[in-house]
């Protein structure tokens, strides 16, 4: 589920879905806007994608401290490490 297995394609793993979210998150966006952009991006390949699966990928990104929610917008976390 988080990582691809021999029984499910790599594109169905939460890490790959999270990578797609990070790619389109070039500016802070609402959850619904991210969902719309994910669904419209290559819609033929993502017919299996459900809203629940999308939310799980956001949960994973949040748990990995990659994104944050602030005032209704999802942001990429900025690292201040030198």
N, C-alpha and C. Protein backbone atom coordinates (compact mmCIF):
# COMPACT_ATOMS: atom_id res chain seq x y z
N UNK A 1 0.82 -1.19 0.00
CA UNK A 1 0.00 0.00 0.00
C UNK A 1 0.86 1.26 0.00
N UNK A 2 1.78 1.36 0.94
CA UNK A 2 2.66 2.52 0.94
C UNK A 2 3.70 2.39 -0.16
N UNK A 3 4.28 1.20 -0.25
CA UNK A 3 5.25 0.89 -1.29
C UNK A 3 4.60 -0.05 -2.30
N UNK A 4 5.07 -0.05 -3.54
CA UNK A 4 4.52 -0.99 -4.51
C UNK A 4 4.89 -2.43 -4.14
N UNK A 5 4.03 -3.35 -4.51
CA UNK A 5 4.29 -4.77 -4.29
C UNK A 5 4.22 -5.49 -5.63
N UNK A 6 4.49 -6.78 -5.61
CA UNK A 6 4.42 -7.53 -6.87
C UNK A 6 2.98 -7.71 -7.33
N UNK A 7 2.01 -7.49 -6.44
CA UNK A 7 0.60 -7.65 -6.80
C UNK A 7 -0.07 -6.34 -7.17
N UNK A 8 0.58 -5.22 -6.94
CA UNK A 8 0.00 -3.93 -7.32
C UNK A 8 1.06 -3.11 -8.03
N UNK A 9 0.64 -2.35 -8.98
CA UNK A 9 1.57 -1.53 -9.76
C UNK A 9 2.16 -0.41 -8.93
N UNK A 10 3.30 0.08 -9.38
CA UNK A 10 3.96 1.16 -8.64
C UNK A 10 3.09 2.40 -8.57
N UNK A 11 2.27 2.63 -9.59
CA UNK A 11 1.44 3.83 -9.62
C UNK A 11 0.29 3.79 -8.63
N UNK A 12 0.09 2.66 -7.97
CA UNK A 12 -0.97 2.55 -6.96
C UNK A 12 -0.42 2.66 -5.54
N UNK A 13 0.85 2.94 -5.39
CA UNK A 13 1.41 3.08 -4.06
C UNK A 13 1.21 4.51 -3.56
N UNK A 14 1.12 4.65 -2.25
CA UNK A 14 0.92 5.98 -1.67
C UNK A 14 2.12 6.88 -1.88
N UNK A 15 3.31 6.31 -1.92
CA UNK A 15 4.50 7.14 -2.16
C UNK A 15 4.49 7.76 -3.55
N UNK A 16 4.07 7.00 -4.54
CA UNK A 16 4.00 7.55 -5.91
C UNK A 16 2.90 8.59 -5.99
N UNK A 17 1.75 8.30 -5.36
CA UNK A 17 0.67 9.28 -5.34
C UNK A 17 1.11 10.55 -4.63
N UNK A 18 1.84 10.40 -3.52
CA UNK A 18 2.36 11.56 -2.81
C UNK A 18 3.33 12.36 -3.65
N UNK A 19 4.13 11.67 -4.45
CA UNK A 19 5.07 12.36 -5.34
C UNK A 19 4.32 13.20 -6.37
N UNK A 20 3.21 12.68 -6.87
CA UNK A 20 2.38 13.46 -7.81
C UNK A 20 1.83 14.71 -7.13
N UNK A 21 1.43 14.58 -5.88
CA UNK A 21 0.92 15.74 -5.14
C UNK A 21 2.03 16.78 -4.99
N UNK A 22 3.22 16.35 -4.61
CA UNK A 22 4.34 17.27 -4.43
C UNK A 22 4.68 17.97 -5.74
N UNK A 23 4.60 17.26 -6.86
CA UNK A 23 4.90 17.86 -8.16
C UNK A 23 3.96 19.00 -8.50
N UNK A 24 2.69 18.86 -8.18
CA UNK A 24 1.74 19.92 -8.54
C UNK A 24 1.61 20.99 -7.45
N UNK A 25 2.26 20.78 -6.32
CA UNK A 25 2.16 21.71 -5.20
C UNK A 25 3.26 22.77 -5.30
N UNK A 26 3.23 23.53 -6.40
CA UNK A 26 4.24 24.57 -6.58
C UNK A 26 3.86 25.85 -5.85
N UNK A 27 2.62 25.91 -5.42
CA UNK A 27 2.12 27.02 -4.61
C UNK A 27 1.10 26.44 -3.63
N UNK A 28 0.81 27.11 -2.55
CA UNK A 28 -0.20 26.59 -1.61
C UNK A 28 -1.55 26.43 -2.31
N UNK A 29 -2.20 25.30 -2.06
CA UNK A 29 -3.48 25.01 -2.71
C UNK A 29 -4.43 24.36 -1.72
N UNK A 30 -5.72 24.47 -2.00
CA UNK A 30 -6.71 23.78 -1.18
C UNK A 30 -6.71 22.30 -1.53
N UNK A 31 -7.27 21.51 -0.64
CA UNK A 31 -7.35 20.07 -0.89
C UNK A 31 -8.16 19.80 -2.15
N UNK A 32 -9.26 20.50 -2.33
CA UNK A 32 -10.11 20.26 -3.50
C UNK A 32 -9.40 20.64 -4.80
N UNK A 33 -8.60 21.68 -4.77
CA UNK A 33 -7.86 22.07 -5.98
C UNK A 33 -6.79 21.03 -6.32
N UNK A 34 -6.11 20.51 -5.32
CA UNK A 34 -5.11 19.46 -5.55
C UNK A 34 -5.81 18.23 -6.12
N UNK A 35 -6.94 17.85 -5.54
CA UNK A 35 -7.71 16.70 -6.00
C UNK A 35 -8.12 16.87 -7.46
N UNK A 36 -8.64 18.05 -7.81
CA UNK A 36 -9.04 18.32 -9.19
C UNK A 36 -7.87 18.19 -10.16
N UNK A 37 -6.72 18.73 -9.78
CA UNK A 37 -5.55 18.67 -10.65
C UNK A 37 -5.03 17.25 -10.79
N UNK A 38 -5.07 16.47 -9.73
CA UNK A 38 -4.64 15.07 -9.80
C UNK A 38 -5.58 14.28 -10.70
N UNK A 39 -6.88 14.48 -10.54
CA UNK A 39 -7.85 13.75 -11.35
C UNK A 39 -7.77 14.15 -12.83
N UNK A 40 -7.49 15.40 -13.13
CA UNK A 40 -7.42 15.86 -14.51
C UNK A 40 -6.10 15.51 -15.19
N UNK A 41 -5.07 15.21 -14.41
CA UNK A 41 -3.77 14.87 -14.96
C UNK A 41 -3.78 13.40 -15.39
N UNK A 42 -3.73 13.17 -16.69
CA UNK A 42 -3.72 11.80 -17.23
C UNK A 42 -4.87 10.98 -16.67
N UNK A 43 -6.08 11.47 -16.82
CA UNK A 43 -7.25 10.83 -16.23
C UNK A 43 -7.43 9.38 -16.69
N UNK A 44 -6.96 9.03 -17.88
CA UNK A 44 -7.09 7.66 -18.35
C UNK A 44 -6.30 6.68 -17.49
N UNK A 45 -5.18 7.13 -16.95
CA UNK A 45 -4.33 6.26 -16.15
C UNK A 45 -4.78 6.18 -14.70
N UNK A 46 -5.60 7.10 -14.23
CA UNK A 46 -5.94 7.16 -12.82
C UNK A 46 -7.41 6.87 -12.55
N UNK A 47 -8.01 6.01 -13.35
CA UNK A 47 -9.42 5.69 -13.12
C UNK A 47 -9.64 4.97 -11.80
N UNK A 48 -8.63 4.29 -11.31
CA UNK A 48 -8.74 3.56 -10.06
C UNK A 48 -8.65 4.47 -8.84
N UNK A 49 -8.14 5.69 -9.00
CA UNK A 49 -7.87 6.56 -7.87
C UNK A 49 -9.17 7.04 -7.23
N UNK A 50 -9.27 6.81 -5.94
CA UNK A 50 -10.44 7.28 -5.20
C UNK A 50 -10.02 8.46 -4.32
N UNK A 51 -11.01 9.18 -3.86
CA UNK A 51 -10.74 10.30 -2.98
C UNK A 51 -10.10 9.83 -1.68
N UNK A 52 -10.53 8.67 -1.20
CA UNK A 52 -9.97 8.12 0.03
C UNK A 52 -8.48 7.82 -0.13
N UNK A 53 -8.10 7.26 -1.29
CA UNK A 53 -6.69 6.96 -1.57
C UNK A 53 -5.87 8.25 -1.64
N UNK A 54 -6.45 9.27 -2.24
CA UNK A 54 -5.82 10.58 -2.32
C UNK A 54 -5.59 11.15 -0.92
N UNK A 55 -6.60 11.08 -0.06
CA UNK A 55 -6.48 11.59 1.31
C UNK A 55 -5.41 10.81 2.08
N UNK A 56 -5.34 9.50 1.87
CA UNK A 56 -4.29 8.71 2.51
C UNK A 56 -2.90 9.17 2.08
N UNK A 57 -2.76 9.56 0.82
CA UNK A 57 -1.45 10.06 0.38
C UNK A 57 -1.11 11.39 1.05
N UNK A 58 -2.12 12.25 1.25
CA UNK A 58 -1.89 13.50 1.98
C UNK A 58 -1.53 13.21 3.43
N UNK A 59 -2.20 12.23 4.03
CA UNK A 59 -1.88 11.84 5.40
C UNK A 59 -0.43 11.38 5.50
N UNK A 60 0.01 10.57 4.55
CA UNK A 60 1.38 10.08 4.56
C UNK A 60 2.37 11.23 4.43
N UNK A 61 2.11 12.16 3.52
CA UNK A 61 3.00 13.31 3.36
C UNK A 61 3.06 14.15 4.63
N UNK A 62 1.92 14.29 5.30
CA UNK A 62 1.88 15.05 6.56
C UNK A 62 2.69 14.33 7.64
N UNK A 63 2.50 13.02 7.74
CA UNK A 63 3.23 12.25 8.74
C UNK A 63 4.74 12.26 8.50
N UNK A 64 5.12 12.34 7.23
CA UNK A 64 6.55 12.40 6.88
C UNK A 64 7.10 13.83 7.00
N UNK A 65 6.23 14.76 7.43
CA UNK A 65 6.62 16.16 7.65
C UNK A 65 7.04 16.85 6.34
N UNK A 66 6.34 16.52 5.26
CA UNK A 66 6.64 17.10 3.95
C UNK A 66 5.67 18.23 3.62
N UNK A 67 4.42 18.11 4.09
CA UNK A 67 3.42 19.14 3.85
C UNK A 67 2.84 19.59 5.19
N UNK A 68 2.19 20.74 5.15
CA UNK A 68 1.48 21.24 6.32
C UNK A 68 0.21 21.94 5.87
N UNK A 69 -0.75 22.04 6.76
CA UNK A 69 -2.01 22.71 6.50
C UNK A 69 -2.01 24.01 7.29
N UNK A 70 -2.25 25.11 6.58
CA UNK A 70 -2.27 26.41 7.23
C UNK A 70 -3.35 27.26 6.57
N UNK A 71 -4.33 27.67 7.37
CA UNK A 71 -5.43 28.50 6.89
C UNK A 71 -6.15 27.89 5.69
N UNK A 72 -6.36 26.60 5.74
CA UNK A 72 -7.11 25.92 4.68
C UNK A 72 -6.31 25.59 3.44
N UNK A 73 -5.01 25.86 3.44
CA UNK A 73 -4.17 25.59 2.29
C UNK A 73 -3.10 24.57 2.64
N UNK A 74 -2.81 23.70 1.70
CA UNK A 74 -1.72 22.73 1.85
C UNK A 74 -0.45 23.38 1.32
N UNK A 75 0.59 23.34 2.11
CA UNK A 75 1.89 23.93 1.75
C UNK A 75 2.95 22.84 1.77
N UNK A 76 3.95 22.98 0.90
CA UNK A 76 5.16 22.17 1.04
C UNK A 76 5.96 22.76 2.19
N UNK A 77 6.46 21.92 3.06
CA UNK A 77 7.31 22.39 4.15
C UNK A 77 8.64 22.85 3.56
N UNK A 78 9.14 23.93 4.07
CA UNK A 78 10.43 24.46 3.62
C UNK A 78 11.47 24.12 4.66
N UNK A 79 12.53 23.50 4.21
CA UNK A 79 13.62 23.16 5.12
C UNK A 79 14.57 24.33 5.20
N UNK A 80 14.94 24.70 6.41
CA UNK A 80 15.86 25.82 6.62
C UNK A 80 17.26 25.32 6.95
N UNK A 81 17.52 24.05 6.63
CA UNK A 81 18.85 23.49 6.86
C UNK A 81 19.83 24.04 5.84
N UNK A 82 21.05 24.27 6.28
CA UNK A 82 22.08 24.80 5.35
C UNK A 82 22.91 23.68 4.80
